[in-house]
N, C-alpha and C. Protein backbone atom coordinates (compact mmCIF):
# COMPACT_ATOMS: atom_id res chain seq x y z
N MET A 1 3.72 -10.38 4.86
CA MET A 1 2.26 -10.41 4.94
C MET A 1 1.68 -9.15 4.28
N ILE A 2 0.44 -9.24 3.79
CA ILE A 2 -0.19 -8.14 3.07
C ILE A 2 -1.25 -7.49 3.94
N ALA A 3 -1.29 -6.16 3.93
CA ALA A 3 -2.30 -5.44 4.69
C ALA A 3 -3.70 -5.87 4.27
N GLN A 4 -4.62 -5.95 5.23
CA GLN A 4 -5.98 -6.35 4.93
C GLN A 4 -6.96 -5.59 5.82
N ASN A 5 -8.25 -5.81 5.60
CA ASN A 5 -9.28 -5.14 6.38
C ASN A 5 -9.55 -5.89 7.69
N TRP A 6 -9.67 -5.14 8.77
CA TRP A 6 -10.01 -5.69 10.08
C TRP A 6 -11.23 -4.94 10.59
N LYS A 7 -12.30 -5.68 10.93
CA LYS A 7 -13.54 -5.06 11.37
C LYS A 7 -13.73 -5.25 12.86
N CYS A 8 -14.00 -4.13 13.56
CA CYS A 8 -14.27 -4.19 15.00
C CYS A 8 -15.67 -4.75 15.21
N ALA A 9 -15.78 -5.84 15.94
CA ALA A 9 -17.07 -6.48 16.19
C ALA A 9 -17.96 -5.63 17.09
N GLU A 10 -17.37 -4.68 17.81
CA GLU A 10 -18.14 -3.85 18.75
C GLU A 10 -18.81 -2.67 18.06
N CYS A 11 -18.07 -1.98 17.17
CA CYS A 11 -18.63 -0.75 16.58
C CYS A 11 -18.62 -0.73 15.05
N GLY A 12 -17.97 -1.72 14.42
CA GLY A 12 -17.95 -1.78 12.97
C GLY A 12 -16.81 -1.01 12.31
N PHE A 13 -15.94 -0.38 13.10
CA PHE A 13 -14.82 0.37 12.53
C PHE A 13 -13.93 -0.57 11.71
N ILE A 14 -13.48 -0.10 10.53
CA ILE A 14 -12.61 -0.89 9.66
C ILE A 14 -11.19 -0.33 9.75
N ALA A 15 -10.25 -1.16 10.15
CA ALA A 15 -8.84 -0.80 10.17
C ALA A 15 -8.14 -1.58 9.06
N ILE A 16 -7.15 -0.95 8.43
CA ILE A 16 -6.40 -1.62 7.38
C ILE A 16 -4.94 -1.73 7.82
N GLY A 17 -4.40 -2.94 7.77
CA GLY A 17 -3.02 -3.13 8.17
C GLY A 17 -2.64 -4.60 8.12
N LEU A 18 -1.37 -4.86 8.43
CA LEU A 18 -0.91 -6.24 8.46
C LEU A 18 -1.63 -7.02 9.55
N PHE A 19 -1.88 -6.34 10.68
CA PHE A 19 -2.53 -6.94 11.82
C PHE A 19 -3.55 -5.97 12.38
N PRO A 20 -4.50 -6.44 13.21
CA PRO A 20 -5.44 -5.50 13.83
C PRO A 20 -4.71 -4.58 14.80
N PRO A 21 -5.25 -3.37 15.05
CA PRO A 21 -4.61 -2.46 16.00
C PRO A 21 -4.71 -2.99 17.42
N ASP A 22 -3.90 -2.45 18.32
CA ASP A 22 -3.93 -2.87 19.73
C ASP A 22 -5.30 -2.64 20.34
N SER A 23 -5.95 -1.55 19.92
CA SER A 23 -7.31 -1.26 20.38
C SER A 23 -8.02 -0.48 19.28
N CYS A 24 -9.33 -0.49 19.31
CA CYS A 24 -10.11 0.20 18.29
C CYS A 24 -10.00 1.72 18.46
N PRO A 25 -9.59 2.46 17.42
CA PRO A 25 -9.49 3.91 17.52
C PRO A 25 -10.82 4.59 17.80
N LYS A 26 -11.93 3.92 17.47
CA LYS A 26 -13.25 4.52 17.62
C LYS A 26 -13.88 4.23 18.98
N CYS A 27 -13.85 2.94 19.41
CA CYS A 27 -14.54 2.58 20.66
C CYS A 27 -13.61 2.01 21.73
N GLN A 28 -12.30 1.91 21.41
CA GLN A 28 -11.29 1.42 22.34
C GLN A 28 -11.44 -0.06 22.71
N ALA A 29 -12.20 -0.81 21.91
CA ALA A 29 -12.29 -2.25 22.14
C ALA A 29 -10.92 -2.89 21.92
N PRO A 30 -10.59 -3.98 22.60
CA PRO A 30 -9.27 -4.61 22.47
C PRO A 30 -9.06 -5.27 21.12
N ARG A 31 -7.80 -5.60 20.84
CA ARG A 31 -7.44 -6.24 19.58
C ARG A 31 -8.28 -7.49 19.30
N SER A 32 -8.61 -8.23 20.34
CA SER A 32 -9.36 -9.48 20.18
C SER A 32 -10.74 -9.26 19.57
N SER A 33 -11.22 -8.00 19.57
CA SER A 33 -12.54 -7.70 19.01
C SER A 33 -12.52 -7.60 17.49
N PHE A 34 -11.33 -7.52 16.91
CA PHE A 34 -11.23 -7.37 15.46
C PHE A 34 -11.29 -8.72 14.76
N GLU A 35 -12.03 -8.74 13.67
CA GLU A 35 -12.18 -9.95 12.86
C GLU A 35 -11.79 -9.65 11.42
N THR A 36 -11.34 -10.67 10.72
CA THR A 36 -11.02 -10.54 9.30
C THR A 36 -11.79 -11.60 8.53
N GLU A 37 -11.71 -11.52 7.19
CA GLU A 37 -12.50 -12.45 6.37
C GLU A 37 -11.96 -13.87 6.40
N HIS A 38 -10.70 -14.01 6.76
CA HIS A 38 -10.07 -15.33 6.68
C HIS A 38 -9.50 -15.74 8.03
N ASP A 39 -9.51 -17.04 8.28
CA ASP A 39 -8.91 -17.57 9.51
C ASP A 39 -7.40 -17.60 9.36
N TRP A 40 -6.71 -17.34 10.46
CA TRP A 40 -5.26 -17.47 10.46
C TRP A 40 -4.89 -18.93 10.62
N CYS A 41 -3.71 -19.28 10.19
CA CYS A 41 -3.26 -20.67 10.26
C CYS A 41 -2.47 -20.95 11.53
N PHE A 42 -2.73 -20.17 12.56
CA PHE A 42 -2.09 -20.40 13.86
C PHE A 42 -3.07 -20.00 14.95
N PRO A 43 -2.92 -20.55 16.16
CA PRO A 43 -3.84 -20.23 17.25
C PRO A 43 -3.78 -18.75 17.62
N ARG A 44 -4.93 -18.18 17.98
CA ARG A 44 -4.98 -16.75 18.29
C ARG A 44 -4.10 -16.38 19.47
N GLU A 45 -3.86 -17.34 20.38
CA GLU A 45 -3.00 -17.02 21.53
C GLU A 45 -1.53 -16.81 21.11
N GLU A 46 -1.21 -17.19 19.87
CA GLU A 46 0.16 -16.98 19.37
C GLU A 46 0.29 -15.67 18.59
N THR A 47 -0.77 -14.86 18.56
CA THR A 47 -0.79 -13.65 17.75
C THR A 47 0.38 -12.73 18.04
N ASP A 48 0.61 -12.42 19.32
CA ASP A 48 1.69 -11.48 19.67
C ASP A 48 3.06 -11.99 19.23
N ALA A 49 3.28 -13.30 19.36
CA ALA A 49 4.57 -13.87 18.96
C ALA A 49 4.76 -13.77 17.45
N VAL A 50 3.69 -14.04 16.69
CA VAL A 50 3.78 -13.97 15.23
C VAL A 50 3.99 -12.53 14.78
N ILE A 51 3.25 -11.59 15.39
CA ILE A 51 3.41 -10.17 15.05
C ILE A 51 4.85 -9.73 15.30
N SER A 52 5.41 -10.14 16.44
CA SER A 52 6.78 -9.76 16.78
C SER A 52 7.76 -10.26 15.73
N ALA A 53 7.55 -11.49 15.25
CA ALA A 53 8.44 -12.04 14.22
C ALA A 53 8.26 -11.32 12.89
N CYS A 54 7.01 -11.04 12.52
CA CYS A 54 6.74 -10.42 11.22
C CYS A 54 7.29 -8.99 11.14
N TRP A 55 7.40 -8.30 12.27
CA TRP A 55 7.96 -6.95 12.25
C TRP A 55 9.40 -6.95 11.77
N LYS A 56 10.07 -8.11 11.84
CA LYS A 56 11.46 -8.21 11.41
C LYS A 56 11.60 -8.53 9.92
N VAL A 57 10.45 -8.74 9.25
CA VAL A 57 10.46 -8.86 7.79
C VAL A 57 10.34 -7.45 7.23
N THR A 58 11.33 -7.02 6.45
CA THR A 58 11.36 -5.62 6.03
C THR A 58 10.38 -5.33 4.90
N TYR A 59 9.80 -4.13 4.95
CA TYR A 59 8.87 -3.65 3.94
C TYR A 59 9.20 -2.19 3.62
N GLY A 60 9.07 -1.84 2.37
CA GLY A 60 9.12 -0.43 2.01
C GLY A 60 7.71 0.12 1.98
N LEU A 61 7.59 1.44 1.94
CA LEU A 61 6.29 2.09 1.77
C LEU A 61 6.34 2.91 0.48
N TYR A 62 5.35 2.70 -0.36
CA TYR A 62 5.31 3.33 -1.67
C TYR A 62 3.93 3.94 -1.91
N MET A 63 3.90 4.99 -2.71
CA MET A 63 2.62 5.52 -3.16
C MET A 63 2.39 4.94 -4.54
N VAL A 64 1.42 4.01 -4.64
CA VAL A 64 1.09 3.37 -5.90
C VAL A 64 -0.10 4.08 -6.50
N SER A 65 -0.02 4.42 -7.78
CA SER A 65 -1.08 5.18 -8.44
C SER A 65 -1.48 4.52 -9.75
N SER A 66 -2.68 4.89 -10.21
CA SER A 66 -3.15 4.41 -11.50
C SER A 66 -4.17 5.41 -12.05
N ILE A 67 -4.71 5.10 -13.21
CA ILE A 67 -5.61 6.01 -13.90
C ILE A 67 -6.85 5.28 -14.41
N ASP A 68 -7.91 6.06 -14.62
CA ASP A 68 -9.12 5.57 -15.29
C ASP A 68 -9.57 6.70 -16.20
N GLY A 69 -9.09 6.69 -17.44
CA GLY A 69 -9.33 7.83 -18.32
C GLY A 69 -8.63 9.07 -17.78
N GLU A 70 -9.42 10.12 -17.50
CA GLU A 70 -8.86 11.35 -16.96
C GLU A 70 -8.75 11.32 -15.43
N LYS A 71 -9.33 10.31 -14.81
CA LYS A 71 -9.33 10.22 -13.34
C LYS A 71 -8.04 9.57 -12.85
N ILE A 72 -7.57 10.03 -11.67
CA ILE A 72 -6.35 9.47 -11.08
C ILE A 72 -6.62 9.11 -9.62
N ASN A 73 -5.87 8.16 -9.12
CA ASN A 73 -5.96 7.81 -7.71
C ASN A 73 -4.65 7.17 -7.27
N GLY A 74 -4.42 7.20 -5.98
CA GLY A 74 -3.21 6.59 -5.44
C GLY A 74 -3.45 6.11 -4.03
N GLN A 75 -2.60 5.23 -3.55
CA GLN A 75 -2.70 4.68 -2.21
C GLN A 75 -1.31 4.29 -1.71
N ILE A 76 -1.20 4.08 -0.43
CA ILE A 76 0.04 3.57 0.13
C ILE A 76 0.05 2.05 0.01
N CYS A 77 1.18 1.52 -0.39
CA CYS A 77 1.35 0.07 -0.57
C CYS A 77 2.67 -0.35 0.05
N ASN A 78 2.63 -1.43 0.84
CA ASN A 78 3.87 -1.93 1.43
C ASN A 78 4.28 -3.28 0.82
N THR A 79 3.50 -3.74 -0.16
CA THR A 79 3.83 -5.01 -0.79
C THR A 79 4.18 -4.78 -2.25
N LEU A 80 5.41 -4.39 -2.47
CA LEU A 80 5.93 -4.13 -3.81
C LEU A 80 7.36 -4.63 -3.85
N PHE A 81 7.68 -5.42 -4.85
CA PHE A 81 9.05 -5.90 -4.94
C PHE A 81 9.41 -6.24 -6.37
N GLN A 82 10.69 -6.11 -6.69
CA GLN A 82 11.17 -6.53 -8.00
C GLN A 82 11.26 -8.05 -7.99
N ILE A 83 10.58 -8.68 -8.94
CA ILE A 83 10.52 -10.14 -8.92
C ILE A 83 11.45 -10.78 -9.95
N THR A 84 11.77 -10.06 -11.03
CA THR A 84 12.77 -10.53 -12.00
C THR A 84 13.60 -9.34 -12.46
N SER A 85 14.81 -9.65 -12.95
CA SER A 85 15.68 -8.58 -13.46
C SER A 85 15.86 -8.63 -14.97
N ASP A 86 15.56 -9.77 -15.59
CA ASP A 86 15.73 -9.89 -17.03
C ASP A 86 14.61 -10.75 -17.61
N PRO A 87 13.51 -10.11 -18.05
CA PRO A 87 13.26 -8.65 -18.08
C PRO A 87 12.89 -8.12 -16.70
N PRO A 88 13.08 -6.82 -16.46
CA PRO A 88 12.74 -6.26 -15.14
C PRO A 88 11.23 -6.19 -14.92
N ARG A 89 10.77 -6.82 -13.83
CA ARG A 89 9.35 -6.85 -13.51
C ARG A 89 9.13 -6.59 -12.03
N LEU A 90 7.97 -5.99 -11.72
CA LEU A 90 7.56 -5.75 -10.33
C LEU A 90 6.29 -6.53 -10.04
N ALA A 91 6.10 -6.86 -8.77
CA ALA A 91 4.84 -7.42 -8.30
C ALA A 91 4.33 -6.55 -7.16
N ILE A 92 3.01 -6.30 -7.15
CA ILE A 92 2.40 -5.53 -6.07
C ILE A 92 1.13 -6.23 -5.61
N GLY A 93 0.79 -6.03 -4.33
CA GLY A 93 -0.46 -6.56 -3.79
C GLY A 93 -1.39 -5.41 -3.44
N ILE A 94 -2.61 -5.42 -3.99
CA ILE A 94 -3.57 -4.34 -3.79
C ILE A 94 -4.91 -4.94 -3.34
N ASN A 95 -5.50 -4.36 -2.30
CA ASN A 95 -6.78 -4.82 -1.77
C ASN A 95 -7.88 -4.67 -2.82
N HIS A 96 -8.73 -5.71 -2.93
CA HIS A 96 -9.83 -5.69 -3.91
C HIS A 96 -10.76 -4.50 -3.72
N ASN A 97 -10.92 -4.03 -2.48
CA ASN A 97 -11.88 -2.96 -2.18
C ASN A 97 -11.35 -1.57 -2.51
N ASN A 98 -10.07 -1.45 -2.80
CA ASN A 98 -9.48 -0.13 -3.02
C ASN A 98 -9.75 0.40 -4.43
N LEU A 99 -9.94 1.71 -4.52
CA LEU A 99 -10.19 2.34 -5.81
C LEU A 99 -9.00 2.16 -6.74
N THR A 100 -7.81 2.16 -6.20
CA THR A 100 -6.62 1.95 -7.03
C THR A 100 -6.66 0.60 -7.72
N HIS A 101 -7.16 -0.41 -7.04
CA HIS A 101 -7.31 -1.75 -7.62
C HIS A 101 -8.21 -1.67 -8.86
N GLU A 102 -9.32 -0.97 -8.71
CA GLU A 102 -10.27 -0.80 -9.82
C GLU A 102 -9.60 -0.12 -11.02
N TYR A 103 -8.81 0.92 -10.74
CA TYR A 103 -8.14 1.66 -11.81
C TYR A 103 -7.08 0.81 -12.51
N ILE A 104 -6.32 0.04 -11.73
CA ILE A 104 -5.28 -0.81 -12.34
C ILE A 104 -5.92 -1.86 -13.24
N GLU A 105 -7.03 -2.45 -12.77
CA GLU A 105 -7.73 -3.44 -13.59
C GLU A 105 -8.21 -2.83 -14.91
N LYS A 106 -8.72 -1.60 -14.86
CA LYS A 106 -9.25 -0.95 -16.05
C LYS A 106 -8.16 -0.49 -17.02
N SER A 107 -7.13 0.13 -16.48
CA SER A 107 -6.11 0.76 -17.33
C SER A 107 -4.96 -0.17 -17.68
N GLY A 108 -4.67 -1.13 -16.80
CA GLY A 108 -3.55 -2.03 -17.04
C GLY A 108 -2.20 -1.40 -16.79
N VAL A 109 -2.17 -0.28 -16.05
CA VAL A 109 -0.90 0.38 -15.74
C VAL A 109 -0.90 0.86 -14.29
N PHE A 110 0.30 0.99 -13.73
CA PHE A 110 0.46 1.58 -12.40
C PHE A 110 1.86 2.16 -12.27
N ALA A 111 2.00 3.08 -11.34
CA ALA A 111 3.30 3.67 -11.03
C ALA A 111 3.52 3.60 -9.52
N ALA A 112 4.76 3.46 -9.13
CA ALA A 112 5.12 3.42 -7.71
C ALA A 112 6.11 4.54 -7.42
N SER A 113 5.70 5.50 -6.58
CA SER A 113 6.60 6.56 -6.13
C SER A 113 7.30 6.07 -4.88
N ILE A 114 8.63 6.11 -4.88
CA ILE A 114 9.43 5.60 -3.77
C ILE A 114 9.56 6.70 -2.72
N LEU A 115 8.97 6.48 -1.55
CA LEU A 115 8.93 7.50 -0.52
C LEU A 115 10.19 7.47 0.34
N GLY A 116 10.54 8.67 0.87
CA GLY A 116 11.67 8.80 1.76
C GLY A 116 11.22 8.97 3.21
N THR A 117 12.16 9.04 4.12
CA THR A 117 11.83 9.13 5.54
C THR A 117 11.20 10.47 5.92
N GLU A 118 11.22 11.44 5.01
CA GLU A 118 10.60 12.74 5.28
C GLU A 118 9.15 12.79 4.77
N ASP A 119 8.66 11.68 4.25
CA ASP A 119 7.34 11.70 3.61
C ASP A 119 6.23 11.16 4.50
N MET A 120 6.32 11.41 5.80
CA MET A 120 5.28 10.96 6.73
C MET A 120 3.91 11.52 6.34
N ARG A 121 3.87 12.77 5.90
CA ARG A 121 2.61 13.42 5.54
C ARG A 121 1.95 12.70 4.35
N ILE A 122 2.77 12.28 3.39
CA ILE A 122 2.24 11.59 2.22
C ILE A 122 1.65 10.23 2.61
N VAL A 123 2.30 9.54 3.54
CA VAL A 123 1.78 8.25 4.00
C VAL A 123 0.41 8.44 4.65
N ARG A 124 0.30 9.47 5.48
CA ARG A 124 -0.99 9.72 6.13
C ARG A 124 -2.06 10.11 5.11
N ARG A 125 -1.69 10.94 4.16
CA ARG A 125 -2.67 11.45 3.18
C ARG A 125 -3.19 10.34 2.27
N PHE A 126 -2.29 9.49 1.81
CA PHE A 126 -2.67 8.46 0.85
C PHE A 126 -3.00 7.12 1.49
N GLY A 127 -2.78 7.01 2.81
CA GLY A 127 -2.96 5.71 3.44
C GLY A 127 -4.20 5.55 4.29
N TYR A 128 -4.91 6.65 4.59
CA TYR A 128 -5.98 6.55 5.58
C TYR A 128 -7.35 6.99 5.09
N ARG A 129 -7.44 7.43 3.84
CA ARG A 129 -8.74 7.85 3.30
C ARG A 129 -8.92 7.28 1.90
N SER A 130 -10.16 7.13 1.49
CA SER A 130 -10.45 6.57 0.18
C SER A 130 -10.54 7.66 -0.87
N GLY A 131 -10.02 7.36 -2.05
CA GLY A 131 -10.12 8.29 -3.17
C GLY A 131 -11.54 8.43 -3.69
N ARG A 132 -12.46 7.61 -3.19
CA ARG A 132 -13.86 7.74 -3.61
C ARG A 132 -14.54 8.97 -3.00
N ASP A 133 -14.02 9.44 -1.87
CA ASP A 133 -14.65 10.59 -1.23
C ASP A 133 -13.67 11.70 -0.88
N PHE A 134 -12.44 11.62 -1.41
CA PHE A 134 -11.43 12.62 -1.07
C PHE A 134 -10.41 12.69 -2.20
N ASP A 135 -10.11 13.90 -2.66
CA ASP A 135 -9.12 14.09 -3.72
C ASP A 135 -7.73 14.08 -3.10
N LYS A 136 -7.09 12.94 -3.11
CA LYS A 136 -5.80 12.80 -2.44
C LYS A 136 -4.71 13.64 -3.10
N PHE A 137 -4.85 13.89 -4.39
CA PHE A 137 -3.78 14.58 -5.11
C PHE A 137 -3.93 16.11 -5.10
N LYS A 138 -5.00 16.62 -4.51
CA LYS A 138 -5.19 18.07 -4.49
C LYS A 138 -4.03 18.73 -3.74
N GLY A 139 -3.32 19.61 -4.41
CA GLY A 139 -2.20 20.32 -3.80
C GLY A 139 -0.90 19.53 -3.75
N VAL A 140 -0.89 18.29 -4.24
CA VAL A 140 0.32 17.45 -4.23
C VAL A 140 1.02 17.57 -5.59
N PRO A 141 2.29 17.96 -5.62
CA PRO A 141 2.99 18.12 -6.91
C PRO A 141 3.24 16.76 -7.58
N ILE A 142 2.83 16.65 -8.83
CA ILE A 142 2.97 15.38 -9.53
C ILE A 142 3.60 15.57 -10.90
N LEU A 143 4.11 14.45 -11.41
CA LEU A 143 4.64 14.37 -12.76
C LEU A 143 3.85 13.30 -13.51
N ARG A 144 3.83 13.39 -14.83
CA ARG A 144 3.27 12.34 -15.67
C ARG A 144 4.35 11.90 -16.65
N ARG A 145 4.54 10.61 -16.76
CA ARG A 145 5.53 10.09 -17.69
C ARG A 145 4.87 9.09 -18.64
N ARG A 146 5.49 7.97 -18.90
CA ARG A 146 5.07 7.08 -19.98
C ARG A 146 3.66 6.52 -19.81
N THR A 147 3.29 6.09 -18.60
CA THR A 147 1.96 5.48 -18.39
C THR A 147 0.88 6.52 -18.11
N LEU A 148 1.29 7.76 -17.85
CA LEU A 148 0.41 8.87 -17.45
C LEU A 148 -0.11 8.73 -16.02
N CYS A 149 0.34 7.70 -15.29
CA CYS A 149 -0.01 7.60 -13.88
C CYS A 149 0.69 8.72 -13.10
N PRO A 150 0.01 9.31 -12.11
CA PRO A 150 0.64 10.38 -11.35
C PRO A 150 1.81 9.89 -10.51
N ILE A 151 2.88 10.65 -10.54
CA ILE A 151 4.10 10.35 -9.79
C ILE A 151 4.36 11.50 -8.83
N TYR A 152 4.63 11.19 -7.58
CA TYR A 152 4.91 12.22 -6.58
C TYR A 152 6.24 12.88 -6.91
N GLU A 153 6.19 14.16 -7.21
CA GLU A 153 7.35 14.89 -7.71
C GLU A 153 8.52 14.93 -6.71
N LYS A 154 8.22 14.87 -5.41
CA LYS A 154 9.27 14.99 -4.39
C LYS A 154 9.70 13.63 -3.84
N ALA A 155 9.29 12.55 -4.51
CA ALA A 155 9.70 11.22 -4.09
C ALA A 155 11.19 11.00 -4.36
N ILE A 156 11.74 9.92 -3.80
CA ILE A 156 13.12 9.55 -4.10
C ILE A 156 13.27 9.18 -5.57
N GLY A 157 12.22 8.59 -6.10
CA GLY A 157 12.21 8.19 -7.49
C GLY A 157 10.92 7.46 -7.79
N TYR A 158 10.84 6.86 -8.94
CA TYR A 158 9.60 6.17 -9.32
C TYR A 158 9.90 5.04 -10.26
N ILE A 159 8.96 4.11 -10.35
CA ILE A 159 8.98 3.03 -11.33
C ILE A 159 7.56 2.92 -11.86
N GLU A 160 7.39 2.79 -13.18
CA GLU A 160 6.05 2.60 -13.72
C GLU A 160 5.99 1.32 -14.54
N CYS A 161 4.81 0.70 -14.52
CA CYS A 161 4.67 -0.63 -15.08
C CYS A 161 3.40 -0.78 -15.91
N SER A 162 3.48 -1.73 -16.83
CA SER A 162 2.32 -2.19 -17.58
C SER A 162 1.99 -3.60 -17.09
N VAL A 163 0.75 -3.82 -16.66
CA VAL A 163 0.36 -5.11 -16.12
C VAL A 163 0.44 -6.18 -17.21
N ILE A 164 1.07 -7.30 -16.88
CA ILE A 164 1.22 -8.40 -17.85
C ILE A 164 -0.09 -9.18 -17.93
N GLU A 165 -0.59 -9.34 -19.13
CA GLU A 165 -1.87 -10.00 -19.35
C GLU A 165 -1.86 -11.43 -18.82
N ASP A 166 -2.94 -11.79 -18.13
CA ASP A 166 -3.14 -13.14 -17.59
C ASP A 166 -2.15 -13.52 -16.50
N LYS A 167 -1.48 -12.53 -15.89
CA LYS A 167 -0.52 -12.83 -14.83
C LYS A 167 -0.97 -12.28 -13.47
N THR A 168 -2.21 -11.80 -13.37
CA THR A 168 -2.72 -11.30 -12.09
C THR A 168 -3.24 -12.48 -11.27
N VAL A 169 -2.88 -12.51 -9.98
CA VAL A 169 -3.26 -13.61 -9.10
C VAL A 169 -4.25 -13.11 -8.05
N ASP A 170 -5.37 -13.82 -7.90
CA ASP A 170 -6.34 -13.52 -6.85
C ASP A 170 -5.85 -14.18 -5.57
N ALA A 171 -5.45 -13.36 -4.60
CA ALA A 171 -4.88 -13.87 -3.35
C ALA A 171 -5.87 -13.81 -2.20
N GLY A 172 -7.17 -13.73 -2.51
CA GLY A 172 -8.19 -13.66 -1.45
C GLY A 172 -8.69 -12.25 -1.30
N THR A 173 -8.18 -11.52 -0.30
CA THR A 173 -8.57 -10.13 -0.10
C THR A 173 -7.87 -9.19 -1.09
N HIS A 174 -6.79 -9.66 -1.70
CA HIS A 174 -5.95 -8.83 -2.57
C HIS A 174 -5.74 -9.50 -3.93
N SER A 175 -5.35 -8.68 -4.88
CA SER A 175 -4.83 -9.17 -6.15
C SER A 175 -3.34 -8.88 -6.18
N ILE A 176 -2.59 -9.81 -6.73
CA ILE A 176 -1.17 -9.59 -6.97
C ILE A 176 -1.00 -9.31 -8.46
N PHE A 177 -0.62 -8.07 -8.76
CA PHE A 177 -0.42 -7.65 -10.14
C PHE A 177 1.06 -7.78 -10.50
N LEU A 178 1.34 -8.46 -11.60
CA LEU A 178 2.70 -8.57 -12.11
C LEU A 178 2.85 -7.58 -13.26
N GLY A 179 3.83 -6.70 -13.14
CA GLY A 179 3.97 -5.64 -14.13
C GLY A 179 5.34 -5.61 -14.79
N GLU A 180 5.32 -5.37 -16.09
CA GLU A 180 6.56 -5.13 -16.85
C GLU A 180 6.99 -3.70 -16.60
N ILE A 181 8.23 -3.49 -16.19
CA ILE A 181 8.72 -2.14 -15.95
C ILE A 181 8.92 -1.43 -17.29
N VAL A 182 8.24 -0.29 -17.45
CA VAL A 182 8.33 0.46 -18.71
C VAL A 182 9.00 1.82 -18.54
N GLY A 183 9.33 2.18 -17.31
CA GLY A 183 9.99 3.45 -17.08
C GLY A 183 10.35 3.63 -15.61
N GLY A 184 11.21 4.58 -15.32
CA GLY A 184 11.60 4.85 -13.95
C GLY A 184 12.79 5.77 -13.89
N GLU A 185 12.98 6.35 -12.72
CA GLU A 185 14.10 7.28 -12.52
C GLU A 185 14.31 7.50 -11.03
N ARG A 186 15.56 7.71 -10.62
CA ARG A 186 15.85 8.11 -9.25
C ARG A 186 16.11 9.61 -9.24
N PHE A 187 15.32 10.34 -8.43
CA PHE A 187 15.45 11.79 -8.37
C PHE A 187 16.52 12.26 -7.38
N LYS A 188 16.70 11.51 -6.31
CA LYS A 188 17.66 11.91 -5.28
C LYS A 188 18.14 10.69 -4.50
N ASP A 189 19.24 10.86 -3.80
CA ASP A 189 19.85 9.75 -3.08
C ASP A 189 19.56 9.90 -1.59
N GLU A 190 18.45 9.31 -1.15
CA GLU A 190 18.05 9.38 0.26
C GLU A 190 17.61 8.00 0.72
N GLU A 191 17.47 7.86 2.05
CA GLU A 191 17.01 6.60 2.61
C GLU A 191 15.52 6.42 2.33
N PRO A 192 15.10 5.25 1.84
CA PRO A 192 13.68 5.02 1.60
C PRO A 192 12.92 4.78 2.90
N MET A 193 11.64 5.10 2.87
CA MET A 193 10.75 4.86 4.00
C MET A 193 10.48 3.36 4.13
N THR A 194 10.50 2.86 5.36
CA THR A 194 10.10 1.48 5.61
C THR A 194 8.87 1.47 6.51
N TYR A 195 8.18 0.35 6.50
CA TYR A 195 6.97 0.18 7.31
C TYR A 195 7.30 0.35 8.80
N SER A 196 8.39 -0.28 9.25
CA SER A 196 8.74 -0.22 10.68
C SER A 196 9.17 1.20 11.07
N TYR A 197 9.88 1.92 10.17
CA TYR A 197 10.29 3.29 10.47
C TYR A 197 9.06 4.17 10.66
N TYR A 198 8.08 4.02 9.74
CA TYR A 198 6.88 4.84 9.82
C TYR A 198 6.15 4.63 11.15
N TYR A 199 5.96 3.38 11.55
CA TYR A 199 5.22 3.13 12.78
C TYR A 199 6.01 3.51 14.02
N GLU A 200 7.33 3.43 13.95
CA GLU A 200 8.15 3.92 15.07
C GLU A 200 7.99 5.42 15.25
N LYS A 201 8.06 6.17 14.14
CA LYS A 201 7.90 7.62 14.20
C LYS A 201 6.48 8.01 14.55
N LYS A 202 5.50 7.26 14.05
CA LYS A 202 4.11 7.53 14.36
C LYS A 202 3.85 7.39 15.84
N SER A 203 4.46 6.34 16.46
CA SER A 203 4.30 6.12 17.90
C SER A 203 4.94 7.25 18.71
N GLU A 204 6.09 7.73 18.24
CA GLU A 204 6.78 8.82 18.93
C GLU A 204 5.96 10.11 18.88
N GLN A 205 5.29 10.33 17.75
CA GLN A 205 4.50 11.54 17.57
C GLN A 205 3.12 11.46 18.23
N GLY A 206 2.76 10.23 18.65
CA GLY A 206 1.45 10.04 19.26
C GLY A 206 0.36 10.04 18.22
């Protein structure tokens, strides 16, 4: 499943994730107060059962970045996968409302920095604020390679892509971009960050 926007009907707070939070971080309203743009294809009373099953579908966490001229932006993405090997191609899902989506549409390029289990700070920095009002890359060491998209220098590695013309799919709240891999490298041999690992550690840290 792809992360989407969830709006609290009580206070208007917007949460982004695969599912609504257990309670609203702003007003503490219950999960049932959150609404999304689309109806689910199962009864709401089955929500907990579906969430429990979906947690067993594995996801990685990546910092996906793009450019608009001299401007750069990045975000956390959990929907990235290699879809073909010959030729090598990636697919990613990006929310229509995100600045990174706008940059990918304009430039036709993106890069994915592969995060490790020590990159909790990067997930928080790039996953919870918009690049429209906050310079996410300030103080973050980056590299520029073939596409000129910013790459997190301390990542496990990176892959960069050129979006294939006429292959972008409108999936409702998100676009699925299909990209030709034009470059990449593994910097170190470490365990990659997963969505479930991040939330387990986040819960432990409070």
